[in-house]
């Protein structure tokens, strides 16, 4: 949905990590701007798939563990944001 698909093809792990963090921030910002539940769910699925693909490119276990922890924390934040937005979205329709 945004220019982030080319990140997976990047052959350099350091750049992938930096872009991954930027990508997660962008998705959080986009979710705050969107008021429809369906769009939020789709973006969450895309984020999971892209992170899994990027982890395959990394050969260090420590880096993978750190990324997985960040992914879990952000998913929890996203779930909280979705719950808040679901309550707020009733006034938008």
Protein backbone atom coordinates (compact mmCIF):
# COMPACT_ATOMS: atom_id res chain seq x y z
CA UNK A 1 0.00 0.00 0.00
CA UNK A 2 3.05 2.22 0.39
CA UNK A 3 6.63 2.17 -0.92
CA UNK A 4 7.94 -0.58 1.34
CA UNK A 5 7.90 -3.68 -0.83
CA UNK A 6 11.42 -3.12 -2.13
CA UNK A 7 12.82 -3.43 1.37
CA UNK A 8 12.60 -7.22 1.30
CA UNK A 9 14.85 -7.41 -1.76
CA UNK A 10 17.65 -5.40 -0.17
CA UNK A 11 20.70 -7.68 0.17
CA UNK A 12 22.33 -5.70 2.99
CA UNK A 13 21.19 -6.62 6.54
CA UNK A 14 22.11 -3.27 8.20
CA UNK A 15 19.90 -1.33 5.82
CA UNK A 16 17.11 -3.83 6.32
CA UNK A 17 17.11 -3.23 10.06
CA UNK A 18 16.95 0.54 9.67
CA UNK A 19 14.23 0.34 7.06
CA UNK A 20 12.31 -2.13 9.18
CA UNK A 21 12.11 0.35 12.04
CA UNK A 22 11.01 3.09 9.67
CA UNK A 23 8.42 0.77 8.20
CA UNK A 24 6.98 -0.02 11.61
CA UNK A 25 6.74 3.67 12.45
CA UNK A 26 5.01 4.40 9.16
CA UNK A 27 2.46 1.69 9.76
CA UNK A 28 1.67 2.99 13.23
CA UNK A 29 1.16 6.47 11.83
CA UNK A 30 -1.04 5.17 9.06
CA UNK A 31 -3.17 3.22 11.47
CA UNK A 32 -3.75 6.32 13.55
CA UNK A 33 -4.94 8.19 10.47
CA UNK A 34 -7.30 5.47 9.27
CA UNK A 35 -10.74 5.03 10.76
CA UNK A 36 -11.81 1.78 9.10
CA UNK A 37 -11.17 -1.51 10.86
CA UNK A 38 -10.75 -3.55 7.68
CA UNK A 39 -7.86 -1.44 6.42
CA UNK A 40 -6.09 -1.71 9.76
CA UNK A 41 -6.29 -5.48 9.75
CA UNK A 42 -4.86 -5.71 6.25
CA UNK A 43 -1.86 -3.59 7.17
CA UNK A 44 -1.17 -5.66 10.24
CA UNK A 45 -1.03 -8.82 8.12
CA UNK A 46 1.33 -7.20 5.63
CA UNK A 47 3.64 -6.15 8.42
CA UNK A 48 3.86 -9.69 9.76
CA UNK A 49 4.63 -11.16 6.33
CA UNK A 50 7.31 -8.61 5.51
CA UNK A 51 9.05 -9.04 8.84
CA UNK A 52 9.15 -12.80 8.42
CA UNK A 53 10.70 -12.44 4.98
CA UNK A 54 13.30 -10.02 6.27
CA UNK A 55 14.25 -12.34 9.09
CA UNK A 56 15.08 -15.04 6.55
CA UNK A 57 17.78 -12.76 5.14
CA UNK A 58 19.44 -12.33 8.53
CA UNK A 59 21.87 -15.02 9.58
CA UNK A 60 22.37 -13.96 13.18
CA UNK A 61 20.13 -15.46 15.84
CA UNK A 62 20.54 -12.54 18.23
CA UNK A 63 19.27 -10.07 15.65
CA UNK A 64 16.26 -12.25 14.94
CA UNK A 65 15.35 -12.47 18.60
CA UNK A 66 15.53 -8.71 19.01
CA UNK A 67 13.36 -8.17 15.96
CA UNK A 68 10.80 -10.69 17.16
CA UNK A 69 10.53 -8.97 20.52
CA UNK A 70 10.02 -5.61 18.83
CA UNK A 71 7.40 -7.17 16.59
CA UNK A 72 5.47 -8.56 19.56
CA UNK A 73 5.56 -5.27 21.45
CA UNK A 74 4.33 -3.35 18.45
CA UNK A 75 1.56 -5.84 17.81
CA UNK A 76 0.33 -5.31 21.34
CA UNK A 77 0.39 -1.56 20.79
CA UNK A 78 -1.49 -1.99 17.53
CA UNK A 79 -4.15 -4.07 19.23
CA UNK A 80 -4.63 -1.38 21.85
CA UNK A 81 -4.84 1.29 19.16
CA UNK A 82 -7.38 -0.76 17.24
CA UNK A 83 -9.57 -1.17 20.29
CA UNK A 84 -9.50 2.57 20.91
CA UNK A 85 -10.18 3.32 17.27
CA UNK A 86 -13.06 0.87 17.12
CA UNK A 87 -14.77 2.81 19.87
CA UNK A 88 -13.98 6.13 18.22
CA UNK A 89 -14.90 4.94 14.73
CA UNK A 90 -18.57 4.64 15.70
CA UNK A 91 -18.85 8.40 15.41
CA UNK A 92 -17.31 8.47 11.91
CA UNK A 93 -19.90 6.34 10.18
